């Protein structure tokens, strides 16, 4: 009498599909953050603010009722570039950090900015790159997504699998 061994096959069901999608989303989210911010080889230039406008903030999650739209100019090599940035002006973790109470200083024509630009493509620039190249809000979003994936892996996934 022979004993038959049943081969255990990996069965991919809805739980595994959701898990793989969450892990893929996490990887894509983190990679897009590293690709969207300047690299360490960008050079620094001094820029000046040309104009500043306050734009009504649609979502008031940070407690600031306005975002700023800043048009600035900088010299990269032998050419002059003009660029626009819009968002909630950071109060820390940026070479141009400024608290909301001092936003009026940006309207001064002599106000100087630190502009980081790509030496290969000087028109590509950033005024809010941090030392580690991650804005603090991006770090918080990545951390939140990591917590969601870990919660899924250790809390939801095992219960879902035991129901099958």
C-alpha atoms as a PDB file:
ATOM      1  CA  UNK A   1       0.000   0.000   0.000  1.00  0.00           C
ATOM      2  CA  UNK A   2       1.503   3.242  -1.034  1.00  0.00           C
ATOM      3  CA  UNK A   3       0.987   6.461   0.709  1.00  0.00           C
ATOM      4  CA  UNK A   4       0.186   9.266  -1.615  1.00  0.00           C
ATOM      5  CA  UNK A   5       1.583  12.599  -0.778  1.00  0.00           C
ATOM      6  CA  UNK A   6      -0.495  15.483  -1.826  1.00  0.00           C
ATOM      7  CA  UNK A   7       1.505  18.245  -3.309  1.00  0.00           C
ATOM      8  CA  UNK A   8       0.831  21.561  -1.718  1.00  0.00           C
ATOM      9  CA  UNK A   9       0.332  24.103  -4.417  1.00  0.00           C
ATOM     10  CA  UNK A  10       0.537  27.781  -3.906  1.00  0.00           C
ATOM     11  CA  UNK A  11      -2.918  29.061  -4.543  1.00  0.00           C
ATOM     12  CA  UNK A  12      -3.222  32.744  -5.283  1.00  0.00           C
ATOM     13  CA  UNK A  13      -6.554  34.025  -4.142  1.00  0.00           C
ATOM     14  CA  UNK A  14      -8.057  37.452  -3.464  1.00  0.00           C
ATOM     15  CA  UNK A  15      -6.049  37.902  -0.247  1.00  0.00           C
ATOM     16  CA  UNK A  16      -2.743  37.351  -2.026  1.00  0.00           C
ATOM     17  CA  UNK A  17      -3.750  39.632  -4.887  1.00  0.00           C
ATOM     18  CA  UNK A  18      -4.568  42.452  -2.462  1.00  0.00           C
ATOM     19  CA  UNK A  19      -1.288  41.846  -0.624  1.00  0.00           C
ATOM     20  CA  UNK A  20       0.730  41.957  -3.846  1.00  0.00           C
ATOM     21  CA  UNK A  21      -1.076  45.129  -4.958  1.00  0.00           C
ATOM     22  CA  UNK A  22      -0.334  46.825  -1.622  1.00  0.00           C
ATOM     23  CA  UNK A  23       3.330  45.851  -1.798  1.00  0.00           C
ATOM     24  CA  UNK A  24       3.547  47.040  -5.423  1.00  0.00           C
ATOM     25  CA  UNK A  25       1.866  50.320  -4.484  1.00  0.00           C
ATOM     26  CA  UNK A  26       4.331  50.798  -1.636  1.00  0.00           C
ATOM     27  CA  UNK A  27       7.331  50.212  -3.911  1.00  0.00           C
ATOM     28  CA  UNK A  28       5.964  52.508  -6.637  1.00  0.00           C
ATOM     29  CA  UNK A  29       5.119  55.216  -4.105  1.00  0.00           C
ATOM     30  CA  UNK A  30       8.570  55.180  -2.542  1.00  0.00           C
ATOM     31  CA  UNK A  31      10.357  55.087  -5.898  1.00  0.00           C
ATOM     32  CA  UNK A  32       8.326  57.969  -7.253  1.00  0.00           C
ATOM     33  CA  UNK A  33       9.412  60.056  -4.275  1.00  0.00           C
ATOM     34  CA  UNK A  34      13.085  59.401  -4.883  1.00  0.00           C
ATOM     35  CA  UNK A  35      12.733  60.189  -8.577  1.00  0.00           C
ATOM     36  CA  UNK A  36      10.736  63.379  -8.071  1.00  0.00           C
ATOM     37  CA  UNK A  37      13.274  65.209  -5.943  1.00  0.00           C
ATOM     38  CA  UNK A  38      16.687  66.527  -6.911  1.00  0.00           C
ATOM     39  CA  UNK A  39      19.743  64.364  -6.764  1.00  0.00           C
ATOM     40  CA  UNK A  40      22.787  65.110  -4.671  1.00  0.00           C
ATOM     41  CA  UNK A  41      24.751  66.362  -7.693  1.00  0.00           C
ATOM     42  CA  UNK A  42      22.521  69.375  -8.324  1.00  0.00           C
ATOM     43  CA  UNK A  43      24.210  72.735  -7.980  1.00  0.00           C
ATOM     44  CA  UNK A  44      23.141  75.692  -5.942  1.00  0.00           C
ATOM     45  CA  UNK A  45      22.451  79.173  -7.272  1.00  0.00           C
ATOM     46  CA  UNK A  46      21.096  82.355  -5.800  1.00  0.00           C
ATOM     47  CA  UNK A  47      17.690  83.366  -7.058  1.00  0.00           C
ATOM     48  CA  UNK A  48      15.373  86.286  -6.532  1.00  0.00           C
ATOM     49  CA  UNK A  49      11.615  86.421  -6.154  1.00  0.00           C
ATOM     50  CA  UNK A  50       9.795  88.182  -8.991  1.00  0.00           C
ATOM     51  CA  UNK A  51       6.227  87.830  -7.729  1.00  0.00           C
ATOM     52  CA  UNK A  52       4.226  86.138  -4.982  1.00  0.00           C
ATOM     53  CA  UNK A  53       0.513  85.397  -4.982  1.00  0.00           C
ATOM     54  CA  UNK A  54      -1.591  83.794  -2.296  1.00  0.00           C
ATOM     55  CA  UNK A  55      -3.865  81.086  -3.615  1.00  0.00           C
ATOM     56  CA  UNK A  56      -6.859  79.871  -1.596  1.00  0.00           C
ATOM     57  CA  UNK A  57      -6.051  76.428  -0.191  1.00  0.00           C
ATOM     58  CA  UNK A  58      -8.620  73.788  -1.165  1.00  0.00           C
ATOM     59  CA  UNK A  59      -7.632  71.437   1.656  1.00  0.00           C
ATOM     60  CA  UNK A  60      -6.674  72.986   4.928  1.00  0.00           C
ATOM     61  CA  UNK A  61      -4.963  69.883   6.364  1.00  0.00           C
ATOM     62  CA  UNK A  62      -1.895  71.761   7.638  1.00  0.00           C
ATOM     63  CA  UNK A  63      -3.927  74.627   9.105  1.00  0.00           C
ATOM     64  CA  UNK A  64      -2.760  77.132   6.488  1.00  0.00           C
ATOM     65  CA  UNK A  65      -5.586  78.857   4.620  1.00  0.00           C
ATOM     66  CA  UNK A  66      -3.358  79.754   1.669  1.00  0.00           C
ATOM     67  CA  UNK A  67      -0.779  78.314  -0.641  1.00  0.00           C
ATOM     68  CA  UNK A  68       1.782  80.502  -2.316  1.00  0.00           C
ATOM     69  CA  UNK A  69       2.539  80.831  -5.996  1.00  0.00           C
ATOM     70  CA  UNK A  70       6.074  82.146  -6.334  1.00  0.00           C
ATOM     71  CA  UNK A  71       7.729  83.173  -9.593  1.00  0.00           C
ATOM     72  CA  UNK A  72      11.495  83.420  -9.273  1.00  0.00           C
ATOM     73  CA  UNK A  73      14.565  83.938 -11.392  1.00  0.00           C
ATOM     74  CA  UNK A  74      18.072  82.484 -11.149  1.00  0.00           C
ATOM     75  CA  UNK A  75      21.280  82.306 -13.163  1.00  0.00           C
ATOM     76  CA  UNK A  76      22.647  78.910 -14.105  1.00  0.00           C
ATOM     77  CA  UNK A  77      25.931  79.126 -15.911  1.00  0.00           C
ATOM     78  CA  UNK A  78      25.621  81.812 -18.559  1.00  0.00           C
ATOM     79  CA  UNK A  79      21.829  81.771 -18.880  1.00  0.00           C
ATOM     80  CA  UNK A  80      19.016  83.231 -16.849  1.00  0.00           C
ATOM     81  CA  UNK A  81      15.989  81.088 -16.002  1.00  0.00           C
ATOM     82  CA  UNK A  82      12.542  81.922 -14.682  1.00  0.00           C
ATOM     83  CA  UNK A  83      10.423  79.337 -12.913  1.00  0.00           C
ATOM     84  CA  UNK A  84       7.239  79.088 -10.846  1.00  0.00           C
ATOM     85  CA  UNK A  85       6.537  77.111  -7.708  1.00  0.00           C
ATOM     86  CA  UNK A  86       3.175  76.649  -5.993  1.00  0.00           C
ATOM     87  CA  UNK A  87       2.399  75.007  -2.679  1.00  0.00           C
ATOM     88  CA  UNK A  88       2.392  75.402   1.069  1.00  0.00           C
ATOM     89  CA  UNK A  89       5.632  77.120   1.927  1.00  0.00           C
ATOM     90  CA  UNK A  90       7.627  74.952   4.348  1.00  0.00           C
ATOM     91  CA  UNK A  91       8.497  76.254   7.780  1.00  0.00           C
ATOM     92  CA  UNK A  92      11.425  73.835   8.164  1.00  0.00           C
ATOM     93  CA  UNK A  93      13.526  71.239   6.302  1.00  0.00           C
ATOM     94  CA  UNK A  94      14.224  73.538   3.366  1.00  0.00           C
ATOM     95  CA  UNK A  95      16.953  76.084   2.599  1.00  0.00           C
ATOM     96  CA  UNK A  96      14.144  78.593   1.958  1.00  0.00           C
ATOM     97  CA  UNK A  97      12.022  77.736   5.003  1.00  0.00           C
ATOM     98  CA  UNK A  98       9.952  80.581   6.340  1.00  0.00           C
ATOM     99  CA  UNK A  99       7.131  80.598   8.913  1.00  0.00           C
ATOM    100  CA  UNK A 100       3.700  81.689   7.657  1.00  0.00           C
ATOM    101  CA  UNK A 101       3.926  84.863   9.740  1.00  0.00           C
ATOM    102  CA  UNK A 102       6.914  85.989   7.623  1.00  0.00           C
ATOM    103  CA  UNK A 103       5.533  85.269   4.139  1.00  0.00           C
ATOM    104  CA  UNK A 104       5.407  89.021   3.509  1.00  0.00           C
ATOM    105  CA  UNK A 105       9.214  88.994   3.278  1.00  0.00           C
ATOM    106  CA  UNK A 106       8.887  87.079  -0.002  1.00  0.00           C
ATOM    107  CA  UNK A 107       7.294  90.144  -1.617  1.00  0.00           C
ATOM    108  CA  UNK A 108      10.406  92.213  -0.972  1.00  0.00           C
ATOM    109  CA  UNK A 109      12.262  92.616  -4.316  1.00  0.00           C
ATOM    110  CA  UNK A 110      15.600  92.083  -2.572  1.00  0.00           C
ATOM    111  CA  UNK A 111      14.572  88.750  -1.018  1.00  0.00           C
ATOM    112  CA  UNK A 112      16.991  86.017  -2.104  1.00  0.00           C
ATOM    113  CA  UNK A 113      16.216  82.333  -2.588  1.00  0.00           C
ATOM    114  CA  UNK A 114      18.420  79.267  -2.737  1.00  0.00           C
ATOM    115  CA  UNK A 115      17.728  77.454  -6.007  1.00  0.00           C
ATOM    116  CA  UNK A 116      19.032  73.973  -6.721  1.00  0.00           C
ATOM    117  CA  UNK A 117      19.322  73.114 -10.402  1.00  0.00           C
ATOM    118  CA  UNK A 118      20.440  70.210 -12.541  1.00  0.00           C
ATOM    119  CA  UNK A 119      23.736  71.186 -14.245  1.00  0.00           C
ATOM    120  CA  UNK A 120      22.856  69.072 -17.288  1.00  0.00           C
ATOM    121  CA  UNK A 121      19.412  70.687 -17.667  1.00  0.00           C
ATOM    122  CA  UNK A 122      19.580  74.065 -15.876  1.00  0.00           C
ATOM    123  CA  UNK A 123      15.874  74.739 -16.425  1.00  0.00           C
ATOM    124  CA  UNK A 124      15.087  71.791 -14.104  1.00  0.00           C
ATOM    125  CA  UNK A 125      15.228  73.182 -10.594  1.00  0.00           C
ATOM    126  CA  UNK A 126      13.848  73.083  -7.089  1.00  0.00           C
ATOM    127  CA  UNK A 127      13.632  75.584  -4.274  1.00  0.00           C
ATOM    128  CA  UNK A 128      12.564  73.203  -1.521  1.00  0.00           C
ATOM    129  CA  UNK A 129      14.907  70.240  -1.699  1.00  0.00           C
ATOM    130  CA  UNK A 130      15.951  69.122   1.729  1.00  0.00           C
ATOM    131  CA  UNK A 131      19.286  67.773   2.842  1.00  0.00           C
ATOM    132  CA  UNK A 132      18.069  64.183   2.566  1.00  0.00           C
ATOM    133  CA  UNK A 133      15.986  65.033  -0.518  1.00  0.00           C
ATOM    134  CA  UNK A 134      12.699  63.973   1.065  1.00  0.00           C
ATOM    135  CA  UNK A 135      10.125  66.578   2.034  1.00  0.00           C
ATOM    136  CA  UNK A 136       8.730  65.803   5.480  1.00  0.00           C
ATOM    137  CA  UNK A 137       5.204  65.266   4.163  1.00  0.00           C
ATOM    138  CA  UNK A 138       6.494  62.626   1.699  1.00  0.00           C
ATOM    139  CA  UNK A 139       8.174  60.802   4.564  1.00  0.00           C
ATOM    140  CA  UNK A 140       4.900  60.841   6.533  1.00  0.00           C
ATOM    141  CA  UNK A 141       2.944  59.469   3.577  1.00  0.00           C
ATOM    142  CA  UNK A 142       5.496  56.680   3.046  1.00  0.00           C
ATOM    143  CA  UNK A 143       5.426  55.845   6.742  1.00  0.00           C
ATOM    144  CA  UNK A 144       1.620  55.727   6.712  1.00  0.00           C
ATOM    145  CA  UNK A 145       1.605  53.442   3.694  1.00  0.00           C
ATOM    146  CA  UNK A 146       4.199  51.157   5.345  1.00  0.00           C
ATOM    147  CA  UNK A 147       2.004  50.932   8.447  1.00  0.00           C
ATOM    148  CA  UNK A 148      -1.006  50.074   6.271  1.00  0.00           C
ATOM    149  CA  UNK A 149       0.884  47.290   4.497  1.00  0.00           C
ATOM    150  CA  UNK A 150       2.224  45.875   7.778  1.00  0.00           C
ATOM    151  CA  UNK A 151      -1.268  45.979   9.317  1.00  0.00           C
ATOM    152  CA  UNK A 152      -2.586  44.099   6.287  1.00  0.00           C
ATOM    153  CA  UNK A 153       0.188  41.481   6.441  1.00  0.00           C
ATOM    154  CA  UNK A 154      -0.071  40.775  10.174  1.00  0.00           C
ATOM    155  CA  UNK A 155      -3.725  41.475  11.043  1.00  0.00           C
ATOM    156  CA  UNK A 156      -6.038  41.184   8.056  1.00  0.00           C
ATOM    157  CA  UNK A 157      -4.283  38.644   5.831  1.00  0.00           C
ATOM    158  CA  UNK A 158      -4.040  35.779   8.412  1.00  0.00           C
ATOM    159  CA  UNK A 159      -7.738  36.135   9.363  1.00  0.00           C
ATOM    160  CA  UNK A 160      -8.731  36.217   5.712  1.00  0.00           C
ATOM    161  CA  UNK A 161      -6.702  33.081   4.966  1.00  0.00           C
ATOM    162  CA  UNK A 162      -8.161  31.104   7.889  1.00  0.00           C
ATOM    163  CA  UNK A 163     -11.691  31.698   6.569  1.00  0.00           C
ATOM    164  CA  UNK A 164     -10.890  29.790   3.358  1.00  0.00           C
END
